C-alpha atoms as a PDB file:
ATOM      1  CA  MET A   1     -29.889   8.899  15.430  1.00  0.00           C
ATOM      2  CA  LYS A   2     -31.045   6.606  18.227  1.00  0.00           C
ATOM      3  CA  LEU A   3     -30.428   9.341  20.786  1.00  0.00           C
ATOM      4  CA  GLU A   4     -32.745  11.702  18.905  1.00  0.00           C
ATOM      5  CA  VAL A   5     -35.531   9.112  18.945  1.00  0.00           C
ATOM      6  CA  GLN A   6     -35.072   8.528  22.669  1.00  0.00           C
ATOM      7  CA  PHE A   7     -35.143  12.269  23.320  1.00  0.00           C
ATOM      8  CA  LYS A   8     -38.416  12.612  21.391  1.00  0.00           C
ATOM      9  CA  GLU A   9     -39.938   9.697  23.301  1.00  0.00           C
ATOM     10  CA  ILE A  10     -38.906  11.178  26.643  1.00  0.00           C
ATOM     11  CA  SER A  11     -40.244  14.578  25.623  1.00  0.00           C
ATOM     12  CA  SER A  12     -43.530  12.931  24.695  1.00  0.00           C
ATOM     13  CA  LEU A  13     -43.713  11.169  28.062  1.00  0.00           C
ATOM     14  CA  ILE A  14     -43.128  14.449  29.877  1.00  0.00           C
ATOM     15  CA  GLN A  15     -45.770  16.235  27.803  1.00  0.00           C
ATOM     16  CA  ARG A  16     -48.304  13.484  28.447  1.00  0.00           C
ATOM     17  CA  ALA A  17     -47.600  13.618  32.194  1.00  0.00           C
ATOM     18  CA  LYS A  18     -48.115  17.393  32.183  1.00  0.00           C
ATOM     19  CA  GLU A  19     -51.432  17.037  30.369  1.00  0.00           C
ATOM     20  CA  ASN A  20     -52.585  14.351  32.803  1.00  0.00           C
ATOM     21  CA  SER A  21     -51.614  16.583  35.711  1.00  0.00           C
ATOM     22  CA  PHE A  22     -53.613  19.505  34.327  1.00  0.00           C
ATOM     23  CA  LYS A  23     -56.631  17.253  33.801  1.00  0.00           C
ATOM     24  CA  ALA A  24     -56.412  15.934  37.364  1.00  0.00           C
ATOM     25  CA  VAL A  25     -56.218  19.437  38.817  1.00  0.00           C
ATOM     26  CA  ASN A  26     -59.128  20.626  36.679  1.00  0.00           C
ATOM     27  CA  ASN A  27     -61.174  17.633  37.764  1.00  0.00           C
ATOM     28  CA  GLU A  28     -60.547  18.396  41.437  1.00  0.00           C
ATOM     29  CA  LEU A  29     -61.468  22.053  40.921  1.00  0.00           C
ATOM     30  CA  ILE A  30     -64.741  21.055  39.259  1.00  0.00           C
ATOM     31  CA  LEU A  31     -65.559  18.757  42.169  1.00  0.00           C
ATOM     32  CA  LEU A  32     -64.726  21.559  44.601  1.00  0.00           C
ATOM     33  CA  TYR A  33     -67.008  24.000  42.797  1.00  0.00           C
ATOM     34  CA  LEU A  34     -69.804  21.424  42.771  1.00  0.00           C
ATOM     35  CA  GLU A  35     -69.446  20.965  46.516  1.00  0.00           C
ATOM     36  CA  ILE A  36     -69.421  24.733  47.093  1.00  0.00           C
ATOM     37  CA  GLY A  37     -72.491  25.017  44.860  1.00  0.00           C
ATOM     38  CA  LYS A  38     -74.440  22.789  47.253  1.00  0.00           C
ATOM     39  CA  TYR A  39     -74.414  25.563  49.868  1.00  0.00           C
ATOM     40  CA  LYS A  40     -77.420  27.867  49.773  1.00  0.00           C
ATOM     41  CA  TRP A  41     -76.498  31.482  50.259  1.00  0.00           C
END
């Protein structure tokens, strides 16, 4: 039983890390697009 709980906790940690990674990448892309948007074509 304890092993199942540990597995769920580890799975949750991995999922949270993935979500944080996606958010960080999206944030950087938004900043990139804002910088590109400053150029006048």
